[in-house]
Amino acid sequence: MNRSDYILESERTLELLREIEANSNLTQRYLAQKYDISLGKTNFIIKALLDKGLIKVQSFKNSKNKMGYIYLITPHGISTKVQLIHKFFIKKVGEYERLKREIEGFKGEFLLNK
């Protein structure tokens, strides 16, 4: 699996896909700040999403006469987002169950040593 494929399997990618779907009029700088990741990493993820056809970009001129972009999630991106949600849901439920068992064990030890 190359780095681009690995990035596309990450929870960060799911967060960005969800954000883009909810708000197409955003910037990479906004995404970087919101998710506390570097602008370079944000750019790398966006490029990977574009390369894999999960999002597309449309350019427009904004009021300051600079070029701006709108990111749009594609049908393939929506399908991938649903798959990632399913994958991470299963993972998080498993983590939750393990933590629940661990907490119960700690509770038992605490009550025995009280």
Protein backbone atom coordinates (compact mmCIF):
# COMPACT_ATOMS: atom_id res chain seq x y z
CA MET A 1 0.00 0.00 0.00
CA ASN A 2 1.56 3.32 -1.01
CA ARG A 3 1.38 6.44 1.15
CA SER A 4 -1.53 7.89 -0.81
CA ASP A 5 -3.58 4.71 -0.34
CA TYR A 6 -2.73 4.66 3.37
CA ILE A 7 -3.87 8.28 3.75
CA LEU A 8 -7.18 7.41 2.08
CA GLU A 9 -7.83 4.76 4.74
CA SER A 10 -7.33 7.16 7.64
CA GLU A 11 -9.85 8.67 10.01
CA ARG A 12 -8.52 12.09 9.02
CA THR A 13 -9.63 11.42 5.44
CA LEU A 14 -13.09 10.53 6.68
CA GLU A 15 -13.22 13.79 8.63
CA LEU A 16 -12.19 15.80 5.57
CA LEU A 17 -14.69 14.02 3.30
CA ARG A 18 -17.47 14.73 5.79
CA GLU A 19 -16.43 18.37 6.06
CA ILE A 20 -16.24 18.82 2.28
CA GLU A 21 -19.65 17.23 1.85
CA ALA A 22 -21.12 19.57 4.47
CA ASN A 23 -19.37 22.71 3.24
CA SER A 24 -17.86 22.82 -0.26
CA ASN A 25 -16.85 26.47 0.06
CA LEU A 26 -13.85 25.99 2.33
CA THR A 27 -10.10 26.36 2.09
CA GLN A 28 -7.23 24.02 2.78
CA ARG A 29 -6.07 26.49 5.43
CA TYR A 30 -9.48 26.21 7.14
CA LEU A 31 -9.29 22.39 7.08
CA ALA A 32 -5.73 22.43 8.44
CA GLN A 33 -6.70 24.70 11.32
CA LYS A 34 -9.95 22.91 12.14
CA TYR A 35 -8.34 19.45 12.26
CA ASP A 36 -5.00 20.65 13.66
CA ILE A 37 -2.88 19.30 10.81
CA SER A 38 -0.24 21.02 8.72
CA LEU A 39 -1.21 22.82 5.55
CA GLY A 40 1.21 20.56 3.64
CA LYS A 41 -0.48 17.40 4.94
CA THR A 42 -3.89 18.88 4.15
CA ASN A 43 -2.71 19.62 0.62
CA PHE A 44 -1.35 16.07 0.28
CA ILE A 45 -4.68 14.55 1.40
CA ILE A 46 -6.69 16.83 -0.91
CA LYS A 47 -4.47 15.84 -3.85
CA ALA A 48 -4.91 12.15 -2.99
CA LEU A 49 -8.70 12.62 -2.81
CA LEU A 50 -8.61 14.34 -6.20
CA ASP A 51 -6.34 11.66 -7.74
CA LYS A 52 -8.67 8.88 -6.54
CA GLY A 53 -11.76 10.71 -7.82
CA LEU A 54 -13.32 11.11 -4.39
CA ILE A 55 -13.64 14.86 -4.76
CA LYS A 56 -13.48 17.31 -7.61
CA VAL A 57 -12.54 20.94 -7.60
CA GLN A 58 -14.13 23.85 -9.37
CA SER A 59 -12.44 27.21 -9.57
CA PHE A 60 -14.15 30.57 -9.29
CA LYS A 61 -13.14 34.18 -8.84
CA ASN A 62 -13.98 35.59 -5.47
CA SER A 63 -14.70 39.19 -4.61
CA LYS A 64 -11.03 40.03 -4.00
CA ASN A 65 -10.21 39.12 -7.61
CA LYS A 66 -8.20 36.07 -6.57
CA MET A 67 -8.80 32.56 -7.76
CA GLY A 68 -10.77 30.43 -5.30
CA TYR A 69 -11.88 26.81 -5.25
CA ILE A 70 -14.96 24.82 -4.37
CA TYR A 71 -14.42 21.20 -3.37
CA LEU A 72 -17.24 18.82 -4.25
CA ILE A 73 -17.56 15.23 -3.11
CA THR A 74 -18.20 12.82 -6.00
CA PRO A 75 -20.54 9.81 -5.96
CA HIS A 76 -17.40 7.64 -5.58
CA GLY A 77 -16.39 9.86 -2.65
CA ILE A 78 -19.77 9.38 -0.99
CA SER A 79 -19.49 5.61 -1.42
CA THR A 80 -15.97 5.64 0.02
CA LYS A 81 -17.11 7.83 2.92
CA VAL A 82 -19.86 5.31 3.77
CA GLN A 83 -17.33 2.45 3.65
CA LEU A 84 -14.96 4.37 5.93
CA ILE A 85 -17.79 5.15 8.37
CA HIS A 86 -18.62 1.43 8.52
CA LYS A 87 -14.97 0.47 9.00
CA PHE A 88 -14.37 2.99 11.78
CA PHE A 89 -17.71 2.25 13.44
CA ILE A 90 -16.73 -1.40 13.82
CA LYS A 91 -13.27 -0.39 15.04
CA LYS A 92 -14.62 2.09 17.60
CA VAL A 93 -17.24 -0.34 18.92
CA GLY A 94 -14.47 -2.88 19.46
CA GLU A 95 -12.35 -0.29 21.27
CA TYR A 96 -15.36 0.69 23.37
CA GLU A 97 -16.04 -2.92 24.37
CA ARG A 98 -12.38 -3.47 25.33
CA LEU A 99 -12.37 -0.26 27.40
CA LYS A 100 -15.63 -1.23 29.07
CA ARG A 101 -14.13 -4.59 30.12
CA GLU A 102 -10.96 -2.87 31.34
CA ILE A 103 -12.96 -0.34 33.39
CA GLU A 104 -15.01 -3.14 34.96
CA GLY A 105 -11.75 -4.89 35.88
CA PHE A 106 -10.40 -1.73 37.47
CA LYS A 107 -13.67 -1.26 39.35
CA GLY A 108 -13.43 -4.80 40.70
CA GLU A 109 -9.81 -4.30 41.80
CA PHE A 110 -10.64 -0.95 43.38
CA LEU A 111 -13.56 -2.38 45.37
CA LEU A 112 -11.45 -5.35 46.54
CA ASN A 113 -8.65 -3.08 47.73
CA LYS A 114 -10.90 -0.52 49.39
